[in-house]
């Protein structure tokens, strides 16, 4: 009986360590990690239509802010657009919804996608076009799904570290 109690006592902490991270904690972690300014490095639509004109991609910046807000700056002609975003890091493949708020009171447009966040690299796989459906995996289809790879703009990381030092 003592042996059984001892085994149970040893196994219980191991179960706590191996327990999956709750969905709310994953969301909070990715919500914090995605914040900042991201520079577009690569656009891959599998040879499909559209995409940024030559020389324009490096001007594109995604800025993710607190409370689910974002803006895209540096598009063709230098225009910017904003909106809100929702992420689900607990999904089998992490999902993101970008709700674009066009200027002039036009109807908001939702872009369904997937994301992968790995340190200072962010990949967005976005579906665009008349039959908007969420991509099933992080790859292009040569028609209406594009994968955009971003790198975090370093100035944001430096400012975050400064803020962390101030808080201590």
Protein backbone atom coordinates (compact mmCIF):
# COMPACT_ATOMS: atom_id res chain seq x y z
CA UNK A 1 0.00 0.00 0.00
CA UNK A 2 2.85 2.38 0.84
CA UNK A 3 4.45 1.63 -2.52
CA UNK A 4 1.21 2.51 -4.31
CA UNK A 5 0.96 5.79 -2.37
CA UNK A 6 4.57 6.60 -3.18
CA UNK A 7 4.05 5.91 -6.90
CA UNK A 8 0.93 8.07 -6.93
CA UNK A 9 2.78 10.90 -5.17
CA UNK A 10 5.59 10.73 -7.74
CA UNK A 11 3.28 10.47 -10.76
CA UNK A 12 0.94 13.33 -9.85
CA UNK A 13 3.51 16.15 -10.22
CA UNK A 14 4.63 14.63 -13.52
CA UNK A 15 1.06 14.84 -14.78
CA UNK A 16 0.91 18.50 -13.83
CA UNK A 17 4.08 19.23 -15.78
CA UNK A 18 2.86 17.31 -18.83
CA UNK A 19 -0.62 18.86 -18.80
CA UNK A 20 -1.45 20.90 -21.91
CA UNK A 21 -1.34 24.68 -21.66
CA UNK A 22 -4.88 26.01 -21.27
CA UNK A 23 -6.34 27.79 -24.30
CA UNK A 24 -6.51 31.17 -22.50
CA UNK A 25 -2.80 31.03 -21.65
CA UNK A 26 -1.87 30.17 -25.26
CA UNK A 27 -4.00 33.07 -26.51
CA UNK A 28 -2.46 35.53 -24.04
CA UNK A 29 1.04 34.38 -24.96
CA UNK A 30 0.47 34.78 -28.73
CA UNK A 31 -1.49 38.03 -28.23
CA UNK A 32 1.59 39.49 -26.54
CA UNK A 33 4.13 37.94 -28.92
CA UNK A 34 2.42 39.15 -32.08
CA UNK A 35 2.32 42.78 -30.96
CA UNK A 36 4.71 45.12 -32.70
CA UNK A 37 5.73 46.11 -36.20
CA UNK A 38 6.40 43.44 -38.81
CA UNK A 39 8.17 44.02 -42.15
CA UNK A 40 7.07 41.94 -45.13
CA UNK A 41 9.98 39.90 -46.52
CA UNK A 42 8.41 37.36 -48.82
CA UNK A 43 5.12 37.06 -50.69
CA UNK A 44 4.25 33.71 -52.20
CA UNK A 45 0.98 33.14 -54.02
CA UNK A 46 2.15 30.09 -55.91
CA UNK A 47 2.28 31.99 -59.18
CA UNK A 48 -1.34 33.05 -58.89
CA UNK A 49 -2.77 36.46 -59.74
CA UNK A 50 -2.12 39.59 -57.70
CA UNK A 51 0.60 40.38 -55.27
CA UNK A 52 2.60 43.50 -54.65
CA UNK A 53 4.36 45.17 -57.58
CA UNK A 54 8.17 44.85 -57.70
CA UNK A 55 9.85 47.00 -55.06
CA UNK A 56 6.66 47.46 -53.03
CA UNK A 57 6.81 44.44 -50.71
CA UNK A 58 9.64 45.76 -48.55
CA UNK A 59 7.56 48.89 -47.83
CA UNK A 60 4.68 46.91 -46.30
CA UNK A 61 4.39 46.95 -42.49
CA UNK A 62 1.86 45.14 -40.32
CA UNK A 63 1.48 46.69 -36.88
CA UNK A 64 -0.35 44.55 -34.33
CA UNK A 65 -1.49 46.46 -31.26
CA UNK A 66 -3.15 45.68 -27.96
CA UNK A 67 -6.85 44.93 -27.77
CA UNK A 68 -6.88 43.16 -31.13
CA UNK A 69 -6.18 46.16 -33.35
CA UNK A 70 -3.87 46.26 -36.34
CA UNK A 71 -2.89 48.46 -39.24
CA UNK A 72 -1.19 47.80 -42.54
CA UNK A 73 1.00 50.61 -43.86
CA UNK A 74 3.06 51.05 -47.01
CA UNK A 75 0.74 49.46 -49.50
CA UNK A 76 0.72 50.51 -53.17
CA UNK A 77 0.65 54.28 -53.28
CA UNK A 78 1.65 54.47 -49.61
CA UNK A 79 -1.90 54.07 -48.29
CA UNK A 80 -2.67 52.37 -45.00
CA UNK A 81 -5.66 50.50 -43.67
CA UNK A 82 -6.59 49.30 -40.21
CA UNK A 83 -8.94 47.01 -38.44
CA UNK A 84 -9.16 44.35 -35.81
CA UNK A 85 -7.84 40.82 -35.57
CA UNK A 86 -8.73 37.65 -33.73
CA UNK A 87 -6.38 34.74 -33.22
CA UNK A 88 -6.93 31.18 -32.05
CA UNK A 89 -3.59 29.66 -31.05
CA UNK A 90 -5.29 26.56 -29.64
CA UNK A 91 -6.65 25.47 -33.04
CA UNK A 92 -4.96 22.49 -34.70
CA UNK A 93 -3.37 25.01 -37.08
CA UNK A 94 -3.37 28.50 -35.51
CA UNK A 95 -6.03 30.73 -37.07
CA UNK A 96 -6.27 34.47 -37.60
CA UNK A 97 -9.15 36.64 -38.79
CA UNK A 98 -8.26 40.10 -40.09
CA UNK A 99 -11.28 42.41 -40.17
CA UNK A 100 -10.30 45.32 -42.43
CA UNK A 101 -12.07 48.63 -41.87
CA UNK A 102 -11.89 50.53 -45.17
CA UNK A 103 -11.87 54.33 -45.09
CA UNK A 104 -15.05 56.15 -45.99
CA UNK A 105 -17.45 53.93 -44.09
CA UNK A 106 -17.37 51.06 -46.57
CA UNK A 107 -18.41 47.61 -45.36
CA UNK A 108 -15.65 45.85 -43.36
CA UNK A 109 -14.00 42.91 -45.10
CA UNK A 110 -12.87 39.79 -43.27
CA UNK A 111 -9.82 37.88 -44.42
CA UNK A 112 -9.56 34.36 -43.01
CA UNK A 113 -6.17 32.85 -42.49
CA UNK A 114 -3.65 30.85 -40.57
CA UNK A 115 -0.53 32.03 -38.81
CA UNK A 116 2.74 30.71 -37.50
CA UNK A 117 4.71 32.72 -34.98
CA UNK A 118 8.30 31.72 -34.31
CA UNK A 119 10.31 34.35 -32.43
CA UNK A 120 10.92 37.24 -34.82
CA UNK A 121 9.31 35.52 -37.80
CA UNK A 122 5.59 35.62 -38.56
CA UNK A 123 3.94 33.77 -41.43
CA UNK A 124 0.42 34.65 -42.48
CA UNK A 125 -1.47 32.41 -44.87
CA UNK A 126 -4.42 34.44 -46.11
CA UNK A 127 -7.32 33.59 -48.35
CA UNK A 128 -8.46 36.38 -50.61
CA UNK A 129 -11.02 36.46 -53.36
CA UNK A 130 -14.74 36.01 -53.92
CA UNK A 131 -15.02 32.58 -52.26
CA UNK A 132 -13.20 33.33 -49.04
CA UNK A 133 -12.58 30.20 -47.05
CA UNK A 134 -9.95 29.63 -44.43
CA UNK A 135 -6.87 27.85 -45.79
CA UNK A 136 -6.37 24.38 -44.36
CA UNK A 137 -2.58 24.52 -44.21
CA UNK A 138 0.20 27.10 -44.39
CA UNK A 139 0.80 26.94 -48.14
CA UNK A 140 -0.40 28.60 -51.32
CA UNK A 141 -2.82 27.14 -53.80
CA UNK A 142 -1.79 29.24 -56.83
CA UNK A 143 -5.25 30.80 -56.95
CA UNK A 144 -6.50 32.74 -53.95
CA UNK A 145 -4.25 31.80 -51.04
CA UNK A 146 -0.98 33.60 -50.34
CA UNK A 147 1.70 33.12 -47.70
CA UNK A 148 3.42 36.27 -46.49
CA UNK A 149 6.52 36.02 -44.32
CA UNK A 150 7.32 38.90 -41.98
CA UNK A 151 10.27 39.78 -39.77
CA UNK A 152 9.84 41.79 -36.60
CA UNK A 153 11.17 45.34 -36.92
CA UNK A 154 14.01 45.44 -34.37
CA UNK A 155 13.22 48.91 -32.96
CA UNK A 156 10.09 47.44 -31.36
CA UNK A 157 12.09 44.78 -29.53
CA UNK A 158 14.52 47.39 -28.18
CA UNK A 159 11.64 49.52 -26.91
CA UNK A 160 10.02 46.46 -25.31
CA UNK A 161 13.28 45.70 -23.47
CA UNK A 162 13.50 49.34 -22.30
CA UNK A 163 9.92 49.11 -21.01
CA UNK A 164 10.75 45.84 -19.21
CA UNK A 165 13.78 47.48 -17.53
CA UNK A 166 11.65 50.45 -16.43
CA UNK A 167 9.09 48.09 -14.88
CA UNK A 168 11.76 46.36 -12.76
